[in-house]
Amino acid sequence: MLQIGDIAPSFSLPDADMDVFDLAAERGRHHVVLYFYPRDNTPGCTLQAADFSDHEDDFARHDCIVVGVSPDDCLTHAEFRDEHGLSVRLLSDVETEVCRLYHVWQAREVDGVRKMGVARTTFVIDKDGIIRHTLHNVAPRGHAAGVFELIRKLQKESLNGNRQEQRGNA
């Protein structure tokens, strides 16, 4: 299980437009909200993606990008994005390699049947690639607002750390 303070495992996945997102390329540039969700076009997943999309500018003002990952393919992501007017980047993990890497591909019981699926989980990763927060089994409603508060605090800490570092170098 990944813990707070661990280096976030690097990965590259295609998005809805089949452009590749590389987590390592964001180091030193952005904080990253990496959220895993079960499937496109389900009520909870739609609510969560729409909520993150509605607040994407707020996250961007705090040097943060938001990306969602599910096992759906790129075409399904594109249709989901276009149908609901989503702006956050949706990444396709058809082989569930990244889901497994982040330990969110888990056995669940649905209607008495045990099957594998994505546990709705969010990771807040700082600009240094360090996992700063993990949120497991999240409820979609209000989730984006709660995550935004974590990012706001993280950015404030980051700015304060840079100021102290600059004073130390002066």
Protein backbone atom coordinates (compact mmCIF):
# COMPACT_ATOMS: atom_id res chain seq x y z
CA MET A 1 0.00 0.00 0.00
CA LEU A 2 1.28 3.46 -0.85
CA GLN A 3 1.75 5.75 2.12
CA ILE A 4 1.94 9.48 2.69
CA GLY A 5 5.57 10.48 2.13
CA ASP A 6 6.19 7.84 -0.56
CA ILE A 7 7.34 8.87 -3.99
CA ALA A 8 4.38 8.52 -6.34
CA PRO A 9 5.06 5.72 -8.83
CA SER A 10 5.72 7.11 -12.30
CA PHE A 11 3.55 6.11 -15.21
CA SER A 12 2.45 7.16 -18.68
CA LEU A 13 -1.12 6.66 -19.94
CA PRO A 14 -3.11 7.90 -22.92
CA ASP A 15 -5.94 10.38 -22.37
CA ALA A 16 -9.28 10.79 -24.15
CA ASP A 17 -7.48 12.33 -27.16
CA MET A 18 -4.84 9.56 -27.14
CA ASP A 19 -2.19 12.06 -26.02
CA VAL A 20 0.15 10.56 -23.44
CA PHE A 21 0.20 11.93 -19.90
CA ASP A 22 3.50 11.28 -18.11
CA LEU A 23 3.39 11.82 -14.34
CA ALA A 24 7.18 12.24 -14.12
CA ALA A 25 6.98 15.21 -16.51
CA GLU A 26 4.91 17.11 -13.93
CA ARG A 27 7.63 17.01 -11.27
CA GLY A 28 8.84 20.48 -10.44
CA ARG A 29 5.95 21.99 -12.42
CA HIS A 30 2.62 21.07 -10.80
CA HIS A 31 0.96 19.47 -7.83
CA VAL A 32 -1.17 16.60 -9.14
CA VAL A 33 -4.55 15.37 -8.00
CA LEU A 34 -4.65 11.80 -9.25
CA TYR A 35 -8.07 10.28 -8.79
CA PHE A 36 -9.09 6.75 -9.65
CA TYR A 37 -12.72 5.98 -10.43
CA PRO A 38 -14.59 2.82 -11.49
CA ARG A 39 -16.18 3.72 -14.86
CA ASP A 40 -17.35 6.47 -17.13
CA ASN A 41 -21.04 7.42 -17.24
CA THR A 42 -22.06 6.11 -13.84
CA PRO A 43 -23.82 8.62 -11.55
CA GLY A 44 -21.03 8.88 -8.95
CA CYS A 45 -18.22 9.00 -11.49
CA THR A 46 -20.04 11.64 -13.54
CA LEU A 47 -20.63 13.78 -10.44
CA GLN A 48 -16.99 13.49 -9.39
CA ALA A 49 -15.59 14.33 -12.84
CA ALA A 50 -18.02 17.25 -13.30
CA ASP A 51 -17.15 18.63 -9.87
CA PHE A 52 -13.41 18.50 -10.57
CA SER A 53 -14.00 20.05 -13.99
CA ASP A 54 -16.11 22.87 -12.52
CA HIS A 55 -13.21 23.76 -10.19
CA GLU A 56 -10.33 23.13 -12.57
CA ASP A 57 -9.46 26.85 -12.74
CA ASP A 58 -9.27 27.00 -8.93
CA PHE A 59 -6.83 24.09 -8.91
CA ALA A 60 -4.79 25.69 -11.73
CA ARG A 61 -4.41 28.92 -9.73
CA HIS A 62 -2.65 26.80 -7.11
CA ASP A 63 -0.23 25.18 -9.60
CA CYS A 64 -2.25 21.97 -9.66
CA ILE A 65 -3.60 19.72 -12.38
CA VAL A 66 -6.32 17.11 -11.94
CA VAL A 67 -6.30 13.78 -13.78
CA GLY A 68 -8.75 10.92 -13.51
CA VAL A 69 -7.90 7.28 -14.23
CA SER A 70 -10.24 4.39 -14.98
CA PRO A 71 -10.02 1.15 -16.98
CA ASP A 72 -12.23 2.62 -19.72
CA ASP A 73 -10.67 3.04 -23.17
CA CYS A 74 -9.79 6.38 -24.79
CA LEU A 75 -12.88 6.45 -27.00
CA THR A 76 -15.20 5.89 -24.02
CA HIS A 77 -13.37 8.68 -22.16
CA ALA A 78 -13.81 11.04 -25.13
CA GLU A 79 -17.52 10.31 -25.33
CA PHE A 80 -17.89 10.74 -21.55
CA ARG A 81 -15.96 14.02 -21.62
CA ASP A 82 -17.90 15.42 -24.56
CA GLU A 83 -21.31 14.33 -23.31
CA HIS A 84 -20.83 15.96 -19.91
CA GLY A 85 -18.63 18.92 -20.89
CA LEU A 86 -15.72 17.71 -18.75
CA SER A 87 -12.40 19.51 -18.82
CA VAL A 88 -10.22 17.38 -16.54
CA ARG A 89 -7.90 14.96 -18.25
CA LEU A 90 -9.20 11.38 -18.23
CA LEU A 91 -6.57 8.66 -18.57
CA SER A 92 -7.15 5.19 -19.91
CA ASP A 93 -5.74 2.25 -17.95
CA VAL A 94 -7.35 -0.60 -19.90
CA GLU A 95 -4.82 -3.16 -18.64
CA THR A 96 -5.22 -1.85 -15.03
CA GLU A 97 -1.43 -1.64 -14.68
CA VAL A 98 -1.50 1.79 -13.03
CA CYS A 99 -4.53 0.85 -10.93
CA ARG A 100 -2.51 -2.10 -9.62
CA LEU A 101 0.60 0.06 -9.14
CA TYR A 102 -1.42 2.40 -6.92
CA HIS A 103 -3.20 -0.53 -5.19
CA VAL A 104 -6.71 0.59 -6.18
CA TRP A 105 -7.56 -2.54 -8.22
CA GLN A 106 -9.31 -4.52 -5.53
CA ALA A 107 -11.75 -7.34 -4.98
CA ARG A 108 -15.25 -6.12 -4.13
CA GLU A 109 -18.56 -7.79 -3.56
CA VAL A 110 -21.42 -6.51 -5.71
CA ASP A 111 -24.84 -8.15 -5.39
CA GLY A 112 -23.27 -11.18 -3.72
CA VAL A 113 -20.71 -11.61 -6.51
CA ARG A 114 -17.03 -11.05 -5.77
CA LYS A 115 -15.24 -9.28 -8.61
CA MET A 116 -12.29 -6.98 -9.23
CA GLY A 117 -12.74 -3.27 -9.71
CA VAL A 118 -11.36 0.17 -8.99
CA ALA A 119 -11.73 1.45 -5.45
CA ARG A 120 -12.54 5.17 -5.68
CA THR A 121 -9.29 6.69 -4.39
CA THR A 122 -7.55 10.06 -4.67
CA PHE A 123 -3.86 10.84 -4.28
CA VAL A 124 -2.54 14.38 -3.78
CA ILE A 125 1.01 14.51 -5.11
CA ASP A 126 3.22 17.54 -4.57
CA LYS A 127 5.56 19.12 -7.09
CA ASP A 128 8.41 16.92 -5.87
CA GLY A 129 6.43 13.79 -6.72
CA ILE A 130 5.72 12.95 -3.07
CA ILE A 131 2.33 11.60 -2.02
CA ARG A 132 1.02 14.15 0.48
CA HIS A 133 -2.54 12.85 0.96
CA THR A 134 -4.44 9.66 0.17
CA LEU A 135 -8.22 9.50 0.30
CA HIS A 136 -9.78 6.04 0.12
CA ASN A 137 -13.38 5.00 -0.63
CA VAL A 138 -14.36 8.63 -1.20
CA ALA A 139 -17.90 9.82 -1.68
CA PRO A 140 -18.14 11.77 -4.96
CA ARG A 141 -20.39 14.57 -3.63
CA GLY A 142 -18.25 17.40 -2.26
CA HIS A 143 -15.02 15.50 -2.86
CA ALA A 144 -13.50 18.13 -5.18
CA ALA A 145 -14.03 20.88 -2.60
CA GLY A 146 -12.31 18.83 0.10
CA VAL A 147 -9.39 18.04 -2.19
CA PHE A 148 -9.13 21.70 -3.19
CA GLU A 149 -8.68 22.66 0.48
CA LEU A 150 -5.78 20.19 0.70
CA ILE A 151 -4.22 21.72 -2.42
CA ARG A 152 -4.71 25.25 -1.11
CA LYS A 153 -2.84 24.35 2.07
CA LEU A 154 -0.17 22.47 0.14
CA GLN A 155 0.46 25.43 -2.16
CA LYS A 156 0.67 27.78 0.83
CA GLU A 157 3.23 25.47 2.47
CA SER A 158 5.14 25.28 -0.80
CA LEU A 159 5.26 29.07 -1.14
CA ASN A 160 6.34 29.50 2.49
CA GLY A 161 9.07 26.89 2.00
CA ASN A 162 10.36 28.71 -1.09
CA ARG A 163 10.45 32.02 0.79
CA GLN A 164 12.41 30.46 3.66
CA GLU A 165 14.79 28.81 1.21
CA GLN A 166 15.36 32.16 -0.57
CA ARG A 167 16.08 33.88 2.77
CA GLY A 168 18.58 31.14 3.62
CA ASN A 169 20.38 31.69 0.31
CA ALA A 170 20.52 35.48 0.72
